[in-house]
Amino acid sequence: MLLTALGFATWVAWMICALFIYIHAFRRSVGTGFMVLLIPCYIFVYAFSQFEHVRKNVIVPGLCASAGLSLILLVAVQAQALSAAAAVAYP
């Protein structure tokens, strides 16, 4: 339960950081905005190369750190669920 709550908190942090980047990309052009929105890893390329914001030094590391932590917590929650299921299936 704790890992799920932490995973949700890091996901919310990622969404807040990504929202700043999405807004900047769509203000730049609609095509760039859709590329950032729909191409999975392009948000990181755009964040490092073209994103300009007063708080870039907080937003970009927050985006990267929260994405990494969310991935790690997702794997941990899934591993915990699989081990609990295996313990029930094979006593």
PDB file of N, CA and C in Angstrom:
ATOM      1  N   MET A   1       0.818  -1.195   0.000  1.00  0.00           N
ATOM      2  CA  MET A   1       0.000   0.000   0.000  1.00  0.00           C
ATOM      3  C   MET A   1       0.864   1.262   0.000  1.00  0.00           C
ATOM      4  N   LEU A   2       1.942   1.214   0.768  1.00  0.00           N
ATOM      5  CA  LEU A   2       2.838   2.372   0.841  1.00  0.00           C
ATOM      6  C   LEU A   2       3.515   2.613  -0.506  1.00  0.00           C
ATOM      7  N   LEU A   3       3.945   1.536  -1.161  1.00  0.00           N
ATOM      8  CA  LEU A   3       4.589   1.685  -2.466  1.00  0.00           C
ATOM      9  C   LEU A   3       3.621   2.245  -3.500  1.00  0.00           C
ATOM     10  N   THR A   4       2.367   1.845  -3.417  1.00  0.00           N
ATOM     11  CA  THR A   4       1.366   2.364  -4.339  1.00  0.00           C
ATOM     12  C   THR A   4       1.150   3.853  -4.114  1.00  0.00           C
ATOM     13  N   ALA A   5       1.085   4.277  -2.871  1.00  0.00           N
ATOM     14  CA  ALA A   5       0.916   5.700  -2.564  1.00  0.00           C
ATOM     15  C   ALA A   5       2.118   6.516  -3.030  1.00  0.00           C
ATOM     16  N   LEU A   6       3.321   5.988  -2.823  1.00  0.00           N
ATOM     17  CA  LEU A   6       4.519   6.688  -3.296  1.00  0.00           C
ATOM     18  C   LEU A   6       4.556   6.735  -4.822  1.00  0.00           C
ATOM     19  N   GLY A   7       4.133   5.655  -5.451  1.00  0.00           N
ATOM     20  CA  GLY A   7       4.069   5.630  -6.904  1.00  0.00           C
ATOM     21  C   GLY A   7       3.087   6.659  -7.440  1.00  0.00           C
ATOM     22  N   PHE A   8       1.952   6.789  -6.783  1.00  0.00           N
ATOM     23  CA  PHE A   8       0.967   7.790  -7.191  1.00  0.00           C
ATOM     24  C   PHE A   8       1.517   9.197  -6.990  1.00  0.00           C
ATOM     25  N   ALA A   9       2.222   9.430  -5.899  1.00  0.00           N
ATOM     26  CA  ALA A   9       2.792  10.756  -5.635  1.00  0.00           C
ATOM     27  C   ALA A   9       3.849  11.122  -6.676  1.00  0.00           C
ATOM     28  N   THR A  10       4.690  10.167  -7.063  1.00  0.00           N
ATOM     29  CA  THR A  10       5.687  10.458  -8.087  1.00  0.00           C
ATOM     30  C   THR A  10       5.034  10.647  -9.454  1.00  0.00           C
ATOM     31  N   TRP A  11       3.938   9.946  -9.705  1.00  0.00           N
ATOM     32  CA  TRP A  11       3.213  10.138 -10.961  1.00  0.00           C
ATOM     33  C   TRP A  11       2.624  11.546 -11.029  1.00  0.00           C
ATOM     34  N   VAL A  12       2.070  12.023  -9.914  1.00  0.00           N
ATOM     35  CA  VAL A  12       1.527  13.386  -9.862  1.00  0.00           C
ATOM     36  C   VAL A  12       2.646  14.406 -10.087  1.00  0.00           C
ATOM     37  N   ALA A  13       3.809  14.177  -9.492  1.00  0.00           N
ATOM     38  CA  ALA A  13       4.943  15.080  -9.701  1.00  0.00           C
ATOM     39  C   ALA A  13       5.360  15.086 -11.168  1.00  0.00           C
ATOM     40  N   TRP A  14       5.358  13.919 -11.807  1.00  0.00           N
ATOM     41  CA  TRP A  14       5.702  13.840 -13.227  1.00  0.00           C
ATOM     42  C   TRP A  14       4.694  14.607 -14.065  1.00  0.00           C
ATOM     43  N   MET A  15       3.417  14.457 -13.744  1.00  0.00           N
ATOM     44  CA  MET A  15       2.384  15.148 -14.517  1.00  0.00           C
ATOM     45  C   MET A  15       2.499  16.666 -14.379  1.00  0.00           C
ATOM     46  N   ILE A  16       2.836  17.153 -13.207  1.00  0.00           N
ATOM     47  CA  ILE A  16       2.996  18.594 -13.011  1.00  0.00           C
ATOM     48  C   ILE A  16       4.175  19.107 -13.827  1.00  0.00           C
ATOM     49  N   CYS A  17       5.299  18.405 -13.780  1.00  0.00           N
ATOM     50  CA  CYS A  17       6.466  18.823 -14.564  1.00  0.00           C
ATOM     51  C   CYS A  17       6.188  18.711 -16.060  1.00  0.00           C
ATOM     52  N   ALA A  18       5.519  17.645 -16.476  1.00  0.00           N
ATOM     53  CA  ALA A  18       5.222  17.454 -17.893  1.00  0.00           C
ATOM     54  C   ALA A  18       4.241  18.502 -18.397  1.00  0.00           C
ATOM     55  N   LEU A  19       3.346  18.956 -17.545  1.00  0.00           N
ATOM     56  CA  LEU A  19       2.372  19.965 -17.954  1.00  0.00           C
ATOM     57  C   LEU A  19       3.057  21.258 -18.387  1.00  0.00           C
ATOM     58  N   PHE A  20       4.089  21.672 -17.664  1.00  0.00           N
ATOM     59  CA  PHE A  20       4.843  22.856 -18.053  1.00  0.00           C
ATOM     60  C   PHE A  20       5.465  22.680 -19.441  1.00  0.00           C
ATOM     61  N   ILE A  21       5.991  21.491 -19.691  1.00  0.00           N
ATOM     62  CA  ILE A  21       6.636  21.225 -20.981  1.00  0.00           C
ATOM     63  C   ILE A  21       5.601  21.137 -22.090  1.00  0.00           C
ATOM     64  N   TYR A  22       4.455  20.511 -21.826  1.00  0.00           N
ATOM     65  CA  TYR A  22       3.396  20.440 -22.833  1.00  0.00           C
ATOM     66  C   TYR A  22       2.897  21.831 -23.215  1.00  0.00           C
ATOM     67  N   ILE A  23       2.690  22.683 -22.232  1.00  0.00           N
ATOM     68  CA  ILE A  23       2.209  24.037 -22.503  1.00  0.00           C
ATOM     69  C   ILE A  23       3.224  24.797 -23.359  1.00  0.00           C
ATOM     70  N   HIS A  24       4.500  24.685 -23.008  1.00  0.00           N
ATOM     71  CA  HIS A  24       5.539  25.367 -23.783  1.00  0.00           C
ATOM     72  C   HIS A  24       5.594  24.835 -25.207  1.00  0.00           C
ATOM     73  N   ALA A  25       5.490  23.531 -25.371  1.00  0.00           N
ATOM     74  CA  ALA A  25       5.576  22.929 -26.708  1.00  0.00           C
ATOM     75  C   ALA A  25       4.384  23.333 -27.569  1.00  0.00           C
ATOM     76  N   PHE A  26       3.177  23.347 -27.011  1.00  0.00           N
ATOM     77  CA  PHE A  26       2.015  23.736 -27.796  1.00  0.00           C
ATOM     78  C   PHE A  26       2.013  25.233 -28.105  1.00  0.00           C
ATOM     79  N   ARG A  27       2.592  26.038 -27.234  1.00  0.00           N
ATOM     80  CA  ARG A  27       2.701  27.471 -27.546  1.00  0.00           C
ATOM     81  C   ARG A  27       3.713  27.702 -28.662  1.00  0.00           C
ATOM     82  N   ARG A  28       4.713  26.851 -28.736  1.00  0.00           N
ATOM     83  CA  ARG A  28       5.710  26.975 -29.796  1.00  0.00           C
ATOM     84  C   ARG A  28       5.086  26.666 -31.149  1.00  0.00           C
ATOM     85  N   SER A  29       4.440  25.503 -31.266  1.00  0.00           N
ATOM     86  CA  SER A  29       3.663  25.160 -32.460  1.00  0.00           C
ATOM     87  C   SER A  29       2.828  23.923 -32.141  1.00  0.00           C
ATOM     88  N   VAL A  30       1.753  23.763 -32.880  1.00  0.00           N
ATOM     89  CA  VAL A  30       0.863  22.635 -32.646  1.00  0.00           C
ATOM     90  C   VAL A  30       1.566  21.323 -32.994  1.00  0.00           C
ATOM     91  N   GLY A  31       2.355  21.324 -34.062  1.00  0.00           N
ATOM     92  CA  GLY A  31       3.086  20.116 -34.457  1.00  0.00           C
ATOM     93  C   GLY A  31       4.077  19.665 -33.400  1.00  0.00           C
ATOM     94  N   THR A  32       4.805  20.618 -32.844  1.00  0.00           N
ATOM     95  CA  THR A  32       5.757  20.292 -31.780  1.00  0.00           C
ATOM     96  C   THR A  32       5.025  19.789 -30.543  1.00  0.00           C
ATOM     97  N   GLY A  33       3.907  20.407 -30.239  1.00  0.00           N
ATOM     98  CA  GLY A  33       3.125  19.970 -29.083  1.00  0.00           C
ATOM     99  C   GLY A  33       2.639  18.542 -29.234  1.00  0.00           C
ATOM    100  N   PHE A  34       2.146  18.196 -30.424  1.00  0.00           N
ATOM    101  CA  PHE A  34       1.693  16.824 -30.640  1.00  0.00           C
ATOM    102  C   PHE A  34       2.856  15.840 -30.646  1.00  0.00           C
ATOM    103  N   MET A  35       4.017  16.256 -31.128  1.00  0.00           N
ATOM    104  CA  MET A  35       5.181  15.371 -31.071  1.00  0.00           C
ATOM    105  C   MET A  35       5.561  15.080 -29.622  1.00  0.00           C
ATOM    106  N   VAL A  36       5.572  16.114 -28.789  1.00  0.00           N
ATOM    107  CA  VAL A  36       5.899  15.929 -27.372  1.00  0.00           C
ATOM    108  C   VAL A  36       4.844  15.070 -26.688  1.00  0.00           C
ATOM    109  N   LEU A  37       3.596  15.254 -27.075  1.00  0.00           N
ATOM    110  CA  LEU A  37       2.500  14.523 -26.443  1.00  0.00           C
ATOM    111  C   LEU A  37       2.447  13.058 -26.870  1.00  0.00           C
ATOM    112  N   LEU A  38       2.722  12.766 -28.124  1.00  0.00           N
ATOM    113  CA  LEU A  38       2.465  11.427 -28.648  1.00  0.00           C
ATOM    114  C   LEU A  38       3.695  10.543 -28.832  1.00  0.00           C
ATOM    115  N   ILE A  39       4.869  11.112 -29.011  1.00  0.00           N
ATOM    116  CA  ILE A  39       6.079  10.298 -29.146  1.00  0.00           C
ATOM    117  C   ILE A  39       6.645  10.080 -27.745  1.00  0.00           C
ATOM    118  N   PRO A  40       6.746   8.816 -27.310  1.00  0.00           N
ATOM    119  CA  PRO A  40       7.020   8.539 -25.891  1.00  0.00           C
ATOM    120  C   PRO A  40       8.244   9.223 -25.289  1.00  0.00           C
ATOM    121  N   CYS A  41       9.402   9.158 -25.890  1.00  0.00           N
ATOM    122  CA  CYS A  41      10.603   9.709 -25.258  1.00  0.00           C
ATOM    123  C   CYS A  41      10.952  11.103 -25.753  1.00  0.00           C
ATOM    124  N   TYR A  42      10.153  11.665 -26.653  1.00  0.00           N
ATOM    125  CA  TYR A  42      10.475  12.978 -27.198  1.00  0.00           C
ATOM    126  C   TYR A  42      10.318  14.081 -26.162  1.00  0.00           C
ATOM    127  N   ILE A  43       9.538  13.848 -25.128  1.00  0.00           N
ATOM    128  CA  ILE A  43       9.401  14.868 -24.087  1.00  0.00           C
ATOM    129  C   ILE A  43      10.740  15.135 -23.403  1.00  0.00           C
ATOM    130  N   PHE A  44      11.563  14.091 -23.261  1.00  0.00           N
ATOM    131  CA  PHE A  44      12.871  14.279 -22.641  1.00  0.00           C
ATOM    132  C   PHE A  44      13.823  15.019 -23.585  1.00  0.00           C
ATOM    133  N   VAL A  45      13.776  14.685 -24.874  1.00  0.00           N
ATOM    134  CA  VAL A  45      14.601  15.381 -25.860  1.00  0.00           C
ATOM    135  C   VAL A  45      14.217  16.854 -25.907  1.00  0.00           C
ATOM    136  N   TYR A  46      12.930  17.124 -25.954  1.00  0.00           N
ATOM    137  CA  TYR A  46      12.452  18.504 -26.001  1.00  0.00           C
ATOM    138  C   TYR A  46      12.814  19.253 -24.715  1.00  0.00           C
ATOM    139  N   ALA A  47      12.677  18.586 -23.577  1.00  0.00           N
ATOM    140  CA  ALA A  47      12.965  19.243 -22.296  1.00  0.00           C
ATOM    141  C   ALA A  47      14.423  19.683 -22.214  1.00  0.00           C
ATOM    142  N   PHE A  48      15.335  18.859 -22.723  1.00  0.00           N
ATOM    143  CA  PHE A  48      16.749  19.213 -22.643  1.00  0.00           C
ATOM    144  C   PHE A  48      17.188  20.162 -23.749  1.00  0.00           C
ATOM    145  N   SER A  49      16.554  20.103 -24.917  1.00  0.00           N
ATOM    146  CA  SER A  49      17.076  20.880 -26.036  1.00  0.00           C
ATOM    147  C   SER A  49      16.330  22.186 -26.306  1.00  0.00           C
ATOM    148  N   GLN A  50      15.005  22.219 -26.205  1.00  0.00           N
ATOM    149  CA  GLN A  50      14.261  23.390 -26.640  1.00  0.00           C
ATOM    150  C   GLN A  50      13.437  24.060 -25.552  1.00  0.00           C
ATOM    151  N   PHE A  51      13.231  23.423 -24.447  1.00  0.00           N
ATOM    152  CA  PHE A  51      12.393  23.967 -23.380  1.00  0.00           C
ATOM    153  C   PHE A  51      13.106  25.134 -22.707  1.00  0.00           C
ATOM    154  N   GLU A  52      12.439  26.278 -22.647  1.00  0.00           N
ATOM    155  CA  GLU A  52      12.972  27.466 -21.979  1.00  0.00           C
ATOM    156  C   GLU A  52      11.962  27.938 -20.943  1.00  0.00           C
ATOM    157  N   HIS A  53      12.389  27.986 -19.704  1.00  0.00           N
ATOM    158  CA  HIS A  53      11.525  28.426 -18.611  1.00  0.00           C
ATOM    159  C   HIS A  53      12.408  28.958 -17.498  1.00  0.00           C
ATOM    160  N   VAL A  54      11.866  29.839 -16.701  1.00  0.00           N
ATOM    161  CA  VAL A  54      12.623  30.401 -15.585  1.00  0.00           C
ATOM    162  C   VAL A  54      13.031  29.304 -14.603  1.00  0.00           C
ATOM    163  N   ARG A  55      12.159  28.334 -14.395  1.00  0.00           N
ATOM    164  CA  ARG A  55      12.415  27.241 -13.455  1.00  0.00           C
ATOM    165  C   ARG A  55      12.835  25.941 -14.160  1.00  0.00           C
ATOM    166  N   LYS A  56      13.536  26.061 -15.278  1.00  0.00           N
ATOM    167  CA  LYS A  56      13.963  24.864 -16.004  1.00  0.00           C
ATOM    168  C   LYS A  56      14.857  23.976 -15.138  1.00  0.00           C
ATOM    169  N   ASN A  57      15.669  24.582 -14.298  1.00  0.00           N
ATOM    170  CA  ASN A  57      16.577  23.815 -13.451  1.00  0.00           C
ATOM    171  C   ASN A  57      15.842  23.003 -12.377  1.00  0.00           C
ATOM    172  N   VAL A  58      14.556  23.236 -12.181  1.00  0.00           N
ATOM    173  CA  VAL A  58      13.747  22.442 -11.248  1.00  0.00           C
ATOM    174  C   VAL A  58      12.831  21.480 -12.018  1.00  0.00           C
ATOM    175  N   ILE A  59      12.275  21.952 -13.128  1.00  0.00           N
ATOM    176  CA  ILE A  59      11.277  21.176 -13.860  1.00  0.00           C
ATOM    177  C   ILE A  59      11.894  19.962 -14.551  1.00  0.00           C
ATOM    178  N   VAL A  60      13.000  20.146 -15.249  1.00  0.00           N
ATOM    179  CA  VAL A  60      13.598  19.033 -16.008  1.00  0.00           C
ATOM    180  C   VAL A  60      14.136  17.937 -15.075  1.00  0.00           C
ATOM    181  N   PRO A  61      14.899  18.260 -14.026  1.00  0.00           N
ATOM    182  CA  PRO A  61      15.298  17.180 -13.111  1.00  0.00           C
ATOM    183  C   PRO A  61      14.109  16.540 -12.394  1.00  0.00           C
ATOM    184  N   GLY A  62      13.082  17.333 -12.103  1.00  0.00           N
ATOM    185  CA  GLY A  62      11.878  16.764 -11.493  1.00  0.00           C
ATOM    186  C   GLY A  62      11.193  15.787 -12.415  1.00  0.00           C
ATOM    187  N   LEU A  63      11.157  16.111 -13.708  1.00  0.00           N
ATOM    188  CA  LEU A  63      10.574  15.216 -14.703  1.00  0.00           C
ATOM    189  C   LEU A  63      11.357  13.908 -14.776  1.00  0.00           C
ATOM    190  N   CYS A  64      12.660  14.005 -14.861  1.00  0.00           N
ATOM    191  CA  CYS A  64      13.498  12.801 -14.987  1.00  0.00           C
ATOM    192  C   CYS A  64      13.464  11.953 -13.714  1.00  0.00           C
ATOM    193  N   ALA A  65      13.585  12.599 -12.563  1.00  0.00           N
ATOM    194  CA  ALA A  65      13.606  11.854 -11.302  1.00  0.00           C
ATOM    195  C   ALA A  65      12.265  11.192 -11.022  1.00  0.00           C
ATOM    196  N   SER A  66      11.180  11.903 -11.260  1.00  0.00           N
ATOM    197  CA  SER A  66       9.870  11.310 -10.981  1.00  0.00           C
ATOM    198  C   SER A  66       9.544  10.199 -11.968  1.00  0.00           C
ATOM    199  N   ALA A  67      10.003  10.313 -13.219  1.00  0.00           N
ATOM    200  CA  ALA A  67       9.792   9.222 -14.178  1.00  0.00           C
ATOM    201  C   ALA A  67      10.559   7.979 -13.739  1.00  0.00           C
ATOM    202  N   GLY A  68      11.797   8.152 -13.310  1.00  0.00           N
ATOM    203  CA  GLY A  68      12.598   7.015 -12.842  1.00  0.00           C
ATOM    204  C   GLY A  68      12.036   6.377 -11.585  1.00  0.00           C
ATOM    205  N   LEU A  69      11.634   7.203 -10.626  1.00  0.00           N
ATOM    206  CA  LEU A  69      11.061   6.666  -9.391  1.00  0.00           C
ATOM    207  C   LEU A  69       9.727   5.968  -9.638  1.00  0.00           C
ATOM    208  N   SER A  70       8.919   6.525 -10.529  1.00  0.00           N
ATOM    209  CA  SER A  70       7.645   5.878 -10.854  1.00  0.00           C
ATOM    210  C   SER A  70       7.871   4.515 -11.462  1.00  0.00           C
ATOM    211  N   LEU A  71       8.856   4.413 -12.334  1.00  0.00           N
ATOM    212  CA  LEU A  71       9.164   3.125 -12.959  1.00  0.00           C
ATOM    213  C   LEU A  71       9.646   2.112 -11.924  1.00  0.00           C
ATOM    214  N   ILE A  72      10.517   2.525 -11.051  1.00  0.00           N
ATOM    215  CA  ILE A  72      11.034   1.624 -10.013  1.00  0.00           C
ATOM    216  C   ILE A  72       9.908   1.178  -9.079  1.00  0.00           C
ATOM    217  N   LEU A  73       9.056   2.098  -8.669  1.00  0.00           N
ATOM    218  CA  LEU A  73       7.957   1.745  -7.767  1.00  0.00           C
ATOM    219  C   LEU A  73       6.925   0.865  -8.458  1.00  0.00           C
ATOM    220  N   LEU A  74       6.684   1.082  -9.734  1.00  0.00           N
ATOM    221  CA  LEU A  74       5.771   0.213 -10.482  1.00  0.00           C
ATOM    222  C   LEU A  74       6.292  -1.215 -10.516  1.00  0.00           C
ATOM    223  N   VAL A  75       7.565  -1.374 -10.778  1.00  0.00           N
ATOM    224  CA  VAL A  75       8.157  -2.718 -10.791  1.00  0.00           C
ATOM    225  C   VAL A  75       8.090  -3.345  -9.404  1.00  0.00           C
ATOM    226  N   ALA A  76       8.343  -2.562  -8.364  1.00  0.00           N
ATOM    227  CA  ALA A  76       8.297  -3.092  -7.000  1.00  0.00           C
ATOM    228  C   ALA A  76       6.888  -3.531  -6.618  1.00  0.00           C
ATOM    229  N   VAL A  77       5.883  -2.748  -6.978  1.00  0.00           N
ATOM    230  CA  VAL A  77       4.497  -3.112  -6.664  1.00  0.00           C
ATOM    231  C   VAL A  77       4.088  -4.363  -7.427  1.00  0.00           C
ATOM    232  N   GLN A  78       4.468  -4.451  -8.697  1.00  0.00           N
ATOM    233  CA  GLN A  78       4.125  -5.638  -9.483  1.00  0.00           C
ATOM    234  C   GLN A  78       4.827  -6.880  -8.947  1.00  0.00           C
ATOM    235  N   ALA A  79       6.088  -6.750  -8.543  1.00  0.00           N
ATOM    236  CA  ALA A  79       6.810  -7.891  -7.976  1.00  0.00           C
ATOM    237  C   ALA A  79       6.174  -8.333  -6.664  1.00  0.00           C
ATOM    238  N   GLN A  80       5.743  -7.386  -5.868  1.00  0.00           N
ATOM    239  CA  GLN A  80       5.086  -7.703  -4.601  1.00  0.00           C
ATOM    240  C   GLN A  80       3.757  -8.415  -4.858  1.00  0.00           C
ATOM    241  N   ALA A  81       3.002  -7.956  -5.847  1.00  0.00           N
ATOM    242  CA  ALA A  81       1.724  -8.588  -6.167  1.00  0.00           C
ATOM    243  C   ALA A  81       1.932  -9.997  -6.713  1.00  0.00           C
ATOM    244  N   LEU A  82       2.945 -10.186  -7.551  1.00  0.00           N
ATOM    245  CA  LEU A  82       3.212 -11.519  -8.097  1.00  0.00           C
ATOM    246  C   LEU A  82       3.683 -12.488  -7.018  1.00  0.00           C
ATOM    247  N   SER A  83       4.492 -12.020  -6.084  1.00  0.00           N
ATOM    248  CA  SER A  83       4.954 -12.909  -5.017  1.00  0.00           C
ATOM    249  C   SER A  83       3.810 -13.276  -4.075  1.00  0.00           C
ATOM    250  N   ALA A  84       2.875 -12.347  -3.853  1.00  0.00           N
ATOM    251  CA  ALA A  84       1.704 -12.646  -3.013  1.00  0.00           C
ATOM    252  C   ALA A  84       0.802 -13.644  -3.725  1.00  0.00           C
ATOM    253  N   ALA A  85       0.653 -13.499  -5.030  1.00  0.00           N
ATOM    254  CA  ALA A  85      -0.170 -14.447  -5.780  1.00  0.00           C
ATOM    255  C   ALA A  85       0.452 -15.822  -5.816  1.00  0.00           C
ATOM    256  N   ALA A  86       1.783 -15.879  -5.926  1.00  0.00           N
ATOM    257  CA  ALA A  86       2.474 -17.169  -5.937  1.00  0.00           C
ATOM    258  C   ALA A  86       2.370 -17.842  -4.582  1.00  0.00           C
ATOM    259  N   ALA A  87       2.388 -17.075  -3.511  1.00  0.00           N
ATOM    260  CA  ALA A  87       2.282 -17.648  -2.172  1.00  0.00           C
ATOM    261  C   ALA A  87       0.899 -18.232  -1.940  1.00  0.00           C
ATOM    262  N   VAL A  88      -0.130 -17.651  -2.535  1.00  0.00           N
ATOM    263  CA  VAL A  88      -1.493 -18.163  -2.390  1.00  0.00           C
ATOM    264  C   VAL A  88      -1.680 -19.397  -3.277  1.00  0.00           C
ATOM    265  N   ALA A  89      -1.120 -19.355  -4.470  1.00  0.00           N
ATOM    266  CA  ALA A  89      -1.312 -20.472  -5.422  1.00  0.00           C
ATOM    267  C   ALA A  89      -0.508 -21.692  -5.031  1.00  0.00           C
ATOM    268  N   TYR A  90       0.670 -21.516  -4.492  1.00  0.00           N
ATOM    269  CA  TYR A  90       1.544 -22.633  -4.116  1.00  0.00           C
ATOM    270  C   TYR A  90       1.912 -22.539  -2.643  1.00  0.00           C
ATOM    271  N   PRO A  91       1.054 -23.046  -1.765  1.00  0.00           N
ATOM    272  CA  PRO A  91       1.342 -22.914  -0.324  1.00  0.00           C
ATOM    273  C   PRO A  91       2.464 -23.787   0.146  1.00  0.00           C
TER     274      PRO A  91
END
